[in-house]
Amino acid sequence: MSKLADIGLIGLAVMGENLVLNMESKGFSVAVYNRSTEKVDKFIEGRGAGKNIKGTHSVKELVEALQKPRKVMMLVKAGDPVDSFIEQIIPHLEEGDIIIDGGNSNFTDTIRRTEYVESKGFQFIGTGVSGGEIGALRGPSMMPGGSKSAWPHVKEIFQAVSAKVDDGMPCCDWVGANGAGHYVKMIHNGIEYGDMQIITEAYQFMKDVLGMSYDEMHQTFKKWNSEELDSYLIEITADILAYKDEDGEPMVEKILDTAGQKGTGKWTGIEAMHLGVPLTLIAESVFSRFLSAQLELRDQASQVFEAPAITFDGDKEAMLEDLKMAVYGAKIISYAQGYNLLMEASKEHDWELNYGDIALMWRGGCIIRSAFLSDIKKAFDKNPGLPHLLLDDFFKEKVQKAQTGWRKVCAVAVTNGIPVPSLSAALAYFDGFRTKRLPANLLQAQRDYFGAHTYERTDKTRGEFFHTNWTGEGADTVSTAYNS
């Protein structure tokens, strides 16, 4: 490759390699660098052989191989490695050059990095990239945010390599300032955590309560994927359940039941607590992974506690329909909670997020792509000021329809001792959401009793606070009212 490259990429792990091949296949020339330079040579001589890709052996060489304004994209581990590479890149840049972080960075780091890089006279983009190995190669969902002036310089490349949906629209558009792109990716991953946990609970219910074989479960998920639950995660679950090991036994049965994570689901839960948003389903899915990791402790407990005997003797097909509705209802709650958090974050950070466009970015390429993302787009097109996804007519009707079967599934699971933490947390959230008067009045009375924390009254104006001397021994001094 003799002429200067269109873009440079640092980090030739799974995502980096495949994204480079994707870029090159769309007609862009790419310069690549990896900290372990032998990976560069191996890639150039292997998958990158004969392609419009230039291998480099230092950050300086990489930057010098790029046309202006230079665009240097990193796909490296989140945290310190990103900051380290920014410091290595900056000395070789000129005013207006662009640094891009395509990893799973925490949005707070991206806010800080955008401010820092801009203070040096350069531009910074933090972009979420979703779709895994295949998505990176064939077309991921991309969620860029940061220095808006940088967007015109990368738009053609990003939208060319991103996934396309039926109307040809790329699953990539500008999200917003500083950390907005990585925030949207964080929410995507939180919803992903919820979706995956919901599906695993359905799998355990099928296997342990309904006594289904792996072939039966495969066929059920395959059927579901042609109905309301049409989505990537349902599709791959059907494939996984059909996969046999060399001895002909289901591969899933041989996989240790302890789940890993990279932190984005945890960050979503922490952010929900920070902004005071009830993200119960997604938080429960994170805790479920934590519980799965306590393998030895669970093994001890299983020998101490006797499980209830499975007593289901109902109509299996009817219960499968109920289970489908439970998964569908909980899935809607997962998206609704995620969008609720997006709305609060948009206000908190003055991002002015376009919620309908975010749904479009998730329609293809990404892990949580599903049939009703178009309905989310329609909901916000119809009512840009929609306060909550469950208040849209489409989703209101669907959740209302799902709840009967959903309740039956949770009841049968609890009776038989089968854990369904996310399905039940989603249902509890829905019941709390639709309840006009919750028992928090008693909670406030308790707080006022032991700590003089005051309360508001139903017969007075909001914002007025009162205190009762419950024991007759207290004073008039009250604790300052606040929300942490």
Protein backbone atom coordinates (compact mmCIF):
# COMPACT_ATOMS: atom_id res chain seq x y z
CA MET A 1 0.00 0.00 0.00
CA SER A 2 1.85 3.09 -1.23
CA LYS A 3 -0.60 5.96 -0.61
CA LEU A 4 -1.62 7.16 2.83
CA ALA A 5 -4.32 5.12 4.56
CA ASP A 6 -7.86 6.33 5.24
CA ILE A 7 -7.82 5.21 8.86
CA GLY A 8 -5.51 3.57 11.39
CA LEU A 9 -6.45 0.90 13.91
CA ILE A 10 -4.66 -0.13 17.09
CA GLY A 11 -5.47 -3.54 18.57
CA LEU A 12 -5.56 -6.71 16.51
CA ALA A 13 -7.61 -8.92 18.79
CA VAL A 14 -10.86 -10.51 17.58
CA MET A 15 -12.83 -7.27 17.13
CA GLY A 16 -9.91 -5.30 15.70
CA GLU A 17 -8.92 -7.85 13.08
CA ASN A 18 -12.46 -8.30 11.84
CA LEU A 19 -13.28 -4.60 11.75
CA VAL A 20 -10.14 -3.94 9.70
CA LEU A 21 -11.19 -6.61 7.18
CA ASN A 22 -14.66 -5.06 7.10
CA MET A 23 -13.24 -1.58 6.41
CA GLU A 24 -10.95 -2.87 3.69
CA SER A 25 -13.78 -4.78 2.01
CA LYS A 26 -15.75 -1.52 1.77
CA GLY A 27 -12.94 0.15 -0.17
CA PHE A 28 -11.02 1.87 2.62
CA SER A 29 -7.29 1.54 3.12
CA VAL A 30 -6.25 0.74 6.69
CA ALA A 31 -2.99 0.98 8.61
CA VAL A 32 -2.72 -1.33 11.63
CA TYR A 33 -0.64 -1.56 14.77
CA ASN A 34 -0.58 -3.88 17.77
CA ARG A 35 1.49 -3.61 20.96
CA SER A 36 2.73 -7.15 20.29
CA THR A 37 4.10 -6.41 16.84
CA GLU A 38 4.36 -10.09 15.88
CA LYS A 39 0.56 -10.00 15.69
CA VAL A 40 0.85 -7.32 13.02
CA ASP A 41 3.12 -9.47 10.86
CA LYS A 42 0.98 -12.56 11.38
CA PHE A 43 -2.17 -10.66 10.35
CA ILE A 44 -0.57 -9.04 7.29
CA GLU A 45 0.80 -12.39 6.14
CA GLY A 46 -2.42 -14.23 7.00
CA ARG A 47 -5.97 -12.87 6.83
CA GLY A 48 -4.75 -9.50 5.58
CA ALA A 49 -2.53 -10.85 2.81
CA GLY A 50 -3.01 -9.16 -0.57
CA LYS A 51 -5.39 -6.58 0.87
CA ASN A 52 -5.19 -2.81 1.11
CA ILE A 53 -3.84 -3.01 4.67
CA LYS A 54 -0.50 -1.66 5.88
CA GLY A 55 1.22 -3.14 8.90
CA THR A 56 3.18 -0.78 11.16
CA HIS A 57 5.47 -1.47 14.11
CA SER A 58 5.13 1.69 16.20
CA VAL A 59 2.51 4.30 17.00
CA LYS A 60 4.65 6.91 15.22
CA GLU A 61 4.79 4.81 12.05
CA LEU A 62 1.03 4.22 12.23
CA VAL A 63 0.20 7.93 12.51
CA GLU A 64 2.61 8.84 9.71
CA ALA A 65 0.86 6.33 7.43
CA LEU A 66 -2.47 8.20 7.63
CA GLN A 67 -3.98 10.94 5.48
CA LYS A 68 -5.13 14.15 7.18
CA PRO A 69 -7.08 14.69 9.28
CA ARG A 70 -5.61 11.54 10.76
CA LYS A 71 -8.10 9.09 12.24
CA VAL A 72 -6.62 6.68 14.78
CA MET A 73 -9.05 4.11 16.17
CA MET A 74 -8.29 1.99 19.24
CA LEU A 75 -9.88 -1.39 19.95
CA VAL A 76 -8.05 -2.21 23.15
CA LYS A 77 -9.03 -3.23 26.68
CA ALA A 78 -10.99 -0.55 28.55
CA GLY A 79 -9.30 1.41 31.32
CA ASP A 80 -5.60 2.25 31.59
CA PRO A 81 -4.61 0.83 28.16
CA VAL A 82 -6.83 3.44 26.46
CA ASP A 83 -5.22 6.31 28.40
CA SER A 84 -1.78 4.88 27.72
CA PHE A 85 -2.34 4.79 23.97
CA ILE A 86 -3.83 8.30 23.95
CA GLU A 87 -0.59 9.55 25.51
CA GLN A 88 1.45 7.65 22.92
CA ILE A 89 -0.64 8.96 20.00
CA ILE A 90 -0.91 12.66 20.91
CA PRO A 91 2.77 13.62 20.32
CA HIS A 92 2.47 12.56 16.66
CA LEU A 93 -0.79 14.37 15.85
CA GLU A 94 -1.52 17.75 14.28
CA GLU A 95 -4.42 20.07 15.06
CA GLY A 96 -7.77 18.59 14.05
CA ASP A 97 -6.62 14.96 14.03
CA ILE A 98 -9.02 12.43 15.56
CA ILE A 99 -8.57 9.74 18.20
CA ILE A 100 -11.34 7.11 18.34
CA ASP A 101 -11.98 4.70 21.22
CA GLY A 102 -14.04 1.76 19.94
CA GLY A 103 -13.77 -0.36 23.08
CA ASN A 104 -16.21 -0.88 25.95
CA SER A 105 -15.09 2.15 27.94
CA ASN A 106 -16.99 3.58 30.87
CA PHE A 107 -18.80 6.72 29.68
CA THR A 108 -17.30 8.78 32.53
CA ASP A 109 -13.83 8.01 31.16
CA THR A 110 -15.00 9.09 27.70
CA ILE A 111 -16.28 12.42 29.08
CA ARG A 112 -12.87 12.99 30.69
CA ARG A 113 -10.93 11.90 27.61
CA THR A 114 -12.97 14.06 25.25
CA GLU A 115 -12.24 17.14 27.36
CA TYR A 116 -8.55 16.23 27.62
CA VAL A 117 -7.97 15.48 23.94
CA GLU A 118 -9.87 18.60 22.86
CA SER A 119 -7.73 20.70 25.23
CA LYS A 120 -4.72 19.55 23.21
CA GLY A 121 -6.25 20.77 19.95
CA PHE A 122 -7.42 17.38 18.71
CA GLN A 123 -10.78 15.62 18.43
CA PHE A 124 -12.07 12.57 20.26
CA ILE A 125 -14.79 10.01 19.53
CA GLY A 126 -15.96 7.31 21.91
CA THR A 127 -18.01 4.81 19.95
CA GLY A 128 -19.84 1.75 21.11
CA VAL A 129 -19.38 -1.20 18.74
CA SER A 130 -21.77 -4.11 19.12
CA GLY A 131 -22.09 -7.39 17.26
CA GLY A 132 -19.17 -9.49 18.40
CA GLU A 133 -16.76 -11.17 16.01
CA ILE A 134 -19.27 -11.72 13.19
CA GLY A 135 -20.73 -8.25 13.57
CA ALA A 136 -17.31 -6.63 13.33
CA LEU A 137 -16.62 -8.53 10.11
CA ARG A 138 -20.01 -8.28 8.41
CA GLY A 139 -21.48 -5.14 9.93
CA PRO A 140 -21.81 -4.06 13.58
CA SER A 141 -24.05 -1.53 15.23
CA MET A 142 -21.99 1.59 15.99
CA MET A 143 -22.88 4.33 18.46
CA PRO A 144 -20.44 7.28 18.19
CA GLY A 145 -20.30 10.31 20.45
CA GLY A 146 -17.72 12.92 21.46
CA SER A 147 -16.35 15.84 19.43
CA LYS A 148 -19.18 16.56 16.98
CA SER A 149 -16.83 18.31 14.56
CA ALA A 150 -15.11 14.94 14.03
CA TRP A 151 -18.26 13.18 12.83
CA PRO A 152 -18.16 14.38 9.16
CA HIS A 153 -14.62 12.97 8.86
CA VAL A 154 -15.55 9.44 10.01
CA LYS A 155 -19.21 9.25 8.98
CA GLU A 156 -18.56 7.67 5.58
CA ILE A 157 -16.34 4.95 7.02
CA PHE A 158 -18.52 4.18 10.05
CA GLN A 159 -21.78 4.03 8.09
CA ALA A 160 -20.20 1.97 5.31
CA VAL A 161 -18.95 -0.74 7.66
CA SER A 162 -21.99 -0.81 9.96
CA ALA A 163 -24.92 -3.20 9.58
CA LYS A 164 -27.73 -2.29 7.18
CA VAL A 165 -31.39 -3.05 7.74
CA ASP A 166 -34.01 -3.84 5.12
CA ASP A 167 -34.41 -0.24 3.98
CA GLY A 168 -30.65 0.12 3.55
CA MET A 169 -30.31 2.42 6.54
CA PRO A 170 -26.99 2.01 8.38
CA CYS A 171 -27.13 1.03 12.05
CA CYS A 172 -24.90 3.95 12.94
CA ASP A 173 -25.49 7.65 13.52
CA TRP A 174 -24.16 10.42 15.72
CA VAL A 175 -25.44 9.99 19.28
CA GLY A 176 -24.30 13.09 21.14
CA ALA A 177 -21.55 14.95 23.00
CA ASN A 178 -18.65 13.54 25.03
CA GLY A 179 -19.68 10.20 26.63
CA ALA A 180 -23.10 9.80 24.95
CA GLY A 181 -21.96 7.08 22.53
CA HIS A 182 -20.46 4.89 25.21
CA TYR A 183 -23.45 5.54 27.47
CA VAL A 184 -25.83 4.23 24.82
CA LYS A 185 -23.57 1.20 24.35
CA MET A 186 -23.62 0.65 28.12
CA ILE A 187 -27.44 0.65 28.08
CA HIS A 188 -27.35 -1.72 25.10
CA ASN A 189 -25.20 -4.10 27.12
CA GLY A 190 -27.42 -3.78 30.18
CA ILE A 191 -30.45 -4.76 28.10
CA GLU A 192 -28.34 -7.58 26.67
CA TYR A 193 -27.64 -8.85 30.20
CA GLY A 194 -31.38 -8.80 30.94
CA ASP A 195 -32.34 -10.54 27.70
CA MET A 196 -29.79 -13.30 28.20
CA GLN A 197 -30.87 -13.96 31.79
CA ILE A 198 -34.56 -14.08 30.80
CA ILE A 199 -33.76 -16.67 28.12
CA THR A 200 -31.69 -18.81 30.48
CA GLU A 201 -34.56 -18.83 32.98
CA ALA A 202 -36.93 -19.99 30.24
CA TYR A 203 -34.42 -22.72 29.32
CA GLN A 204 -34.24 -23.97 32.92
CA PHE A 205 -38.04 -23.90 33.20
CA MET A 206 -38.36 -25.98 30.02
CA LYS A 207 -35.75 -28.48 31.16
CA ASP A 208 -36.56 -28.87 34.86
CA VAL A 209 -40.30 -28.16 35.08
CA LEU A 210 -41.56 -29.34 31.68
CA GLY A 211 -38.95 -32.10 31.28
CA MET A 212 -38.18 -31.15 27.67
CA SER A 213 -35.33 -32.69 25.69
CA TYR A 214 -32.72 -30.52 24.01
CA ASP A 215 -34.23 -31.23 20.62
CA GLU A 216 -37.64 -30.12 21.89
CA MET A 217 -36.15 -26.95 23.36
CA HIS A 218 -34.32 -26.27 20.10
CA GLN A 219 -37.57 -26.56 18.15
CA THR A 220 -39.41 -24.32 20.62
CA PHE A 221 -36.85 -21.51 20.45
CA LYS A 222 -36.74 -21.85 16.67
CA LYS A 223 -40.53 -21.45 16.58
CA TRP A 224 -40.40 -18.48 18.95
CA ASN A 225 -37.90 -16.81 16.65
CA SER A 226 -40.52 -16.78 13.89
CA GLU A 227 -43.11 -15.14 16.20
CA GLU A 228 -43.19 -12.23 18.67
CA LEU A 229 -39.76 -13.10 20.07
CA ASP A 230 -37.95 -12.79 16.73
CA SER A 231 -34.47 -11.65 17.82
CA TYR A 232 -30.79 -12.48 17.56
CA LEU A 233 -30.50 -13.94 21.06
CA ILE A 234 -33.50 -16.25 20.59
CA GLU A 235 -32.06 -17.31 17.22
CA ILE A 236 -28.65 -18.24 18.60
CA THR A 237 -30.22 -19.97 21.61
CA ALA A 238 -32.04 -22.31 19.21
CA ASP A 239 -28.72 -23.02 17.45
CA ILE A 240 -26.87 -23.62 20.73
CA LEU A 241 -29.46 -26.08 22.04
CA ALA A 242 -29.16 -28.14 18.84
CA TYR A 243 -25.35 -28.35 18.99
CA LYS A 244 -23.91 -31.74 19.95
CA ASP A 245 -20.46 -32.54 21.27
CA GLU A 246 -18.31 -35.22 19.63
CA ASP A 247 -20.02 -37.92 21.70
CA GLY A 248 -23.46 -36.82 20.49
CA GLU A 249 -24.45 -35.26 23.80
CA PRO A 250 -25.71 -31.63 24.03
CA MET A 251 -22.72 -29.29 24.26
CA VAL A 252 -24.51 -27.00 26.73
CA GLU A 253 -24.67 -29.79 29.33
CA LYS A 254 -20.86 -29.88 29.40
CA ILE A 255 -20.38 -26.14 29.97
CA LEU A 256 -19.69 -25.09 33.57
CA ASP A 257 -22.57 -23.03 34.97
CA THR A 258 -20.60 -20.00 36.09
CA ALA A 259 -21.07 -16.84 34.02
CA GLY A 260 -18.47 -14.18 33.28
CA GLN A 261 -18.85 -10.49 32.52
CA LYS A 262 -16.82 -7.49 31.41
CA GLY A 263 -18.44 -4.88 33.64
CA THR A 264 -20.89 -3.01 31.40
CA GLY A 265 -23.96 -4.58 33.02
CA LYS A 266 -22.60 -3.68 36.44
CA TRP A 267 -21.93 -0.10 35.29
CA THR A 268 -25.55 0.12 34.08
CA GLY A 269 -26.83 -0.91 37.51
CA ILE A 270 -24.53 1.53 39.30
CA GLU A 271 -25.61 4.36 37.00
CA ALA A 272 -29.27 3.52 37.62
CA MET A 273 -28.69 3.84 41.36
CA HIS A 274 -26.83 7.11 40.81
CA LEU A 275 -29.75 8.59 38.87
CA GLY A 276 -32.48 6.97 40.96
CA VAL A 277 -33.96 4.84 38.17
CA PRO A 278 -35.57 1.45 39.03
CA LEU A 279 -33.54 -0.80 36.74
CA THR A 280 -34.59 -3.93 38.59
CA LEU A 281 -34.53 -6.55 35.83
CA ILE A 282 -31.09 -5.60 34.54
CA ALA A 283 -29.67 -5.32 38.06
CA GLU A 284 -31.07 -8.76 38.90
CA SER A 285 -29.44 -10.22 35.79
CA VAL A 286 -26.06 -8.93 37.01
CA PHE A 287 -26.62 -10.38 40.48
CA SER A 288 -27.57 -13.69 38.85
CA ARG A 289 -24.15 -13.82 37.22
CA PHE A 290 -22.55 -13.11 40.59
CA LEU A 291 -24.54 -15.97 42.14
CA SER A 292 -23.52 -18.32 39.33
CA ALA A 293 -19.88 -17.53 40.10
CA GLN A 294 -20.30 -18.81 43.68
CA LEU A 295 -20.07 -22.35 42.38
CA GLU A 296 -18.54 -24.02 45.44
CA LEU A 297 -20.94 -22.27 47.81
CA ARG A 298 -23.94 -23.36 45.75
CA ASP A 299 -22.63 -26.91 45.70
CA GLN A 300 -22.49 -26.92 49.52
CA ALA A 301 -25.98 -25.44 49.77
CA SER A 302 -27.41 -28.02 47.38
CA GLN A 303 -26.32 -30.74 49.79
CA VAL A 304 -27.92 -29.01 52.79
CA PHE A 305 -31.29 -27.87 51.42
CA GLU A 306 -33.88 -30.19 49.95
CA ALA A 307 -35.50 -28.92 46.75
CA PRO A 308 -39.27 -29.17 46.27
CA ALA A 309 -40.41 -32.08 44.12
CA ILE A 310 -41.39 -31.04 40.58
CA THR A 311 -45.16 -31.46 40.46
CA PHE A 312 -46.21 -29.95 37.13
CA ASP A 313 -48.92 -32.05 35.48
CA GLY A 314 -50.68 -29.42 33.41
CA ASP A 315 -50.96 -28.84 29.67
CA LYS A 316 -47.39 -28.62 28.42
CA GLU A 317 -48.21 -26.76 25.19
CA ALA A 318 -50.35 -24.24 27.03
CA MET A 319 -47.57 -23.67 29.55
CA LEU A 320 -45.06 -23.14 26.71
CA GLU A 321 -47.35 -20.44 25.34
CA ASP A 322 -47.45 -18.88 28.81
CA LEU A 323 -43.66 -19.09 29.00
CA LYS A 324 -43.34 -17.33 25.65
CA MET A 325 -45.56 -14.54 26.98
CA ALA A 326 -43.48 -14.33 30.17
CA VAL A 327 -40.28 -13.94 28.15
CA TYR A 328 -41.95 -11.40 25.86
CA GLY A 329 -43.35 -9.32 28.70
CA ALA A 330 -40.04 -9.34 30.58
CA LYS A 331 -38.15 -8.45 27.40
CA ILE A 332 -40.35 -5.37 26.96
CA ILE A 333 -39.64 -4.41 30.59
CA SER A 334 -35.90 -4.77 29.91
CA TYR A 335 -36.06 -2.25 27.07
CA ALA A 336 -38.46 0.02 28.97
CA GLN A 337 -36.14 0.20 31.97
CA GLY A 338 -33.13 0.78 29.73
CA TYR A 339 -34.89 3.62 27.94
CA ASN A 340 -36.04 5.10 31.26
CA LEU A 341 -32.37 5.33 32.28
CA LEU A 342 -31.42 6.83 28.90
CA MET A 343 -34.03 9.55 29.37
CA GLU A 344 -32.77 10.49 32.82
CA ALA A 345 -29.14 10.49 31.64
CA SER A 346 -30.00 12.69 28.68
CA LYS A 347 -31.43 15.28 31.09
CA GLU A 348 -28.53 14.89 33.52
CA HIS A 349 -25.84 15.42 30.86
CA ASP A 350 -27.74 17.70 28.40
CA TRP A 351 -27.27 15.17 25.61
CA GLU A 352 -30.67 15.58 23.89
CA LEU A 353 -30.62 11.94 22.83
CA ASN A 354 -32.85 10.86 19.94
CA TYR A 355 -34.52 7.73 21.35
CA GLY A 356 -36.12 6.65 18.08
CA ASP A 357 -32.81 6.87 16.21
CA ILE A 358 -31.11 4.83 18.94
CA ALA A 359 -33.67 2.08 18.32
CA LEU A 360 -32.77 2.19 14.62
CA MET A 361 -29.08 1.76 15.46
CA TRP A 362 -29.99 -1.42 17.33
CA ARG A 363 -32.09 -2.97 14.54
CA GLY A 364 -29.13 -4.72 12.92
CA GLY A 365 -25.64 -5.93 13.72
CA CYS A 366 -25.93 -5.71 17.50
CA ILE A 367 -26.64 -8.40 20.10
CA ILE A 368 -30.04 -7.07 21.22
CA ARG A 369 -31.53 -6.63 17.75
CA SER A 370 -35.16 -7.73 17.79
CA ALA A 371 -38.41 -7.34 15.87
CA PHE A 372 -39.99 -4.68 18.08
CA LEU A 373 -37.17 -2.13 17.82
CA SER A 374 -39.07 -0.64 14.88
CA ASP A 375 -42.04 -0.27 17.23
CA ILE A 376 -39.85 1.67 19.67
CA LYS A 377 -38.92 4.01 16.81
CA LYS A 378 -42.62 4.44 15.94
CA ALA A 379 -43.47 5.14 19.58
CA PHE A 380 -41.04 8.06 19.81
CA ASP A 381 -41.89 9.33 16.32
CA LYS A 382 -45.54 9.46 17.37
CA ASN A 383 -44.77 11.08 20.73
CA PRO A 384 -41.24 12.55 21.10
CA GLY A 385 -42.13 13.48 24.68
CA LEU A 386 -43.19 9.94 25.63
CA PRO A 387 -42.32 9.70 29.35
CA HIS A 388 -42.02 5.90 29.46
CA LEU A 389 -42.08 3.15 26.86
CA LEU A 390 -44.83 1.22 28.68
CA LEU A 391 -47.19 4.18 28.18
CA ASP A 392 -47.06 3.82 24.40
CA ASP A 393 -50.21 2.16 23.01
CA PHE A 394 -48.32 -0.70 21.31
CA PHE A 395 -46.27 -1.71 24.36
CA LYS A 396 -49.15 -1.11 26.77
CA GLU A 397 -51.26 -3.58 24.79
CA LYS A 398 -48.47 -6.18 24.53
CA VAL A 399 -47.61 -6.16 28.25
CA GLN A 400 -51.29 -6.25 29.16
CA LYS A 401 -51.70 -9.32 26.95
CA ALA A 402 -48.55 -11.03 28.28
CA GLN A 403 -49.24 -10.72 31.99
CA THR A 404 -51.67 -13.63 32.44
CA GLY A 405 -49.23 -16.27 31.16
CA TRP A 406 -46.33 -14.42 32.80
CA ARG A 407 -47.97 -14.70 36.22
CA LYS A 408 -48.69 -18.40 35.73
CA VAL A 409 -45.05 -19.11 34.86
CA CYS A 410 -43.70 -17.24 37.88
CA ALA A 411 -46.20 -19.02 40.16
CA VAL A 412 -45.30 -22.48 38.82
CA ALA A 413 -41.58 -21.70 39.05
CA VAL A 414 -41.81 -20.52 42.67
CA THR A 415 -43.96 -23.51 43.66
CA ASN A 416 -41.39 -25.89 42.17
CA GLY A 417 -38.33 -24.09 43.53
CA ILE A 418 -37.03 -23.00 40.12
CA PRO A 419 -35.25 -19.62 40.25
CA VAL A 420 -36.64 -17.01 37.85
CA PRO A 421 -35.08 -13.83 39.30
CA SER A 422 -35.36 -11.67 36.19
CA LEU A 423 -38.79 -12.86 35.05
CA SER A 424 -40.18 -12.24 38.55
CA ALA A 425 -38.31 -8.94 39.03
CA ALA A 426 -39.73 -7.69 35.73
CA LEU A 427 -43.24 -8.68 36.78
CA ALA A 428 -42.82 -7.04 40.20
CA TYR A 429 -41.62 -3.86 38.48
CA PHE A 430 -44.67 -3.88 36.21
CA ASP A 431 -46.98 -4.35 39.17
CA GLY A 432 -45.28 -1.51 41.04
CA PHE A 433 -45.33 0.72 37.95
CA ARG A 434 -49.08 0.29 37.46
CA THR A 435 -49.92 0.73 41.17
CA LYS A 436 -51.24 4.20 42.01
CA ARG A 437 -50.44 4.00 45.74
CA LEU A 438 -47.41 2.06 46.98
CA PRO A 439 -46.62 1.34 50.66
CA ALA A 440 -43.81 3.91 50.72
CA ASN A 441 -46.02 6.00 53.05
CA LEU A 442 -45.30 3.48 55.82
CA LEU A 443 -41.61 3.51 54.90
CA GLN A 444 -41.53 7.32 55.26
CA ALA A 445 -43.28 7.03 58.62
CA GLN A 446 -40.60 4.57 59.77
CA ARG A 447 -37.84 6.94 58.63
CA ASP A 448 -39.47 9.82 60.43
CA TYR A 449 -39.99 7.70 63.58
CA PHE A 450 -36.34 6.66 64.02
CA GLY A 451 -34.54 9.55 62.34
CA ALA A 452 -36.87 12.55 62.12
CA HIS A 453 -36.44 12.46 58.34
CA THR A 454 -39.85 14.12 57.76
CA TYR A 455 -42.52 13.27 55.18
CA GLU A 456 -44.90 14.94 52.75
CA ARG A 457 -48.69 14.74 53.22
CA THR A 458 -51.41 13.77 50.76
CA ASP A 459 -53.53 16.72 51.91
CA LYS A 460 -50.79 19.33 51.55
CA THR A 461 -48.78 20.86 48.70
CA ARG A 462 -45.84 18.83 47.34
CA GLY A 463 -42.57 20.18 48.69
CA GLU A 464 -43.87 20.83 52.21
CA PHE A 465 -42.31 18.52 54.82
CA PHE A 466 -43.70 17.48 58.19
CA HIS A 467 -42.51 15.64 61.29
CA THR A 468 -44.46 13.73 63.96
CA ASN A 469 -43.24 13.24 67.51
CA TRP A 470 -44.21 9.54 67.42
CA THR A 471 -43.06 8.63 70.93
CA GLY A 472 -43.82 11.88 72.73
CA GLU A 473 -40.17 12.00 73.78
CA GLY A 474 -38.68 13.55 70.66
CA ALA A 475 -37.84 17.18 69.99
CA ASP A 476 -38.84 19.52 67.15
CA THR A 477 -35.45 19.21 65.46
CA VAL A 478 -35.68 17.36 62.13
CA SER A 479 -33.19 15.89 59.72
CA THR A 480 -32.73 17.79 56.47
CA ALA A 481 -34.83 16.27 53.67
CA TYR A 482 -32.72 15.13 50.75
CA ASN A 483 -32.39 12.46 48.08
CA SER A 484 -28.96 10.87 47.86
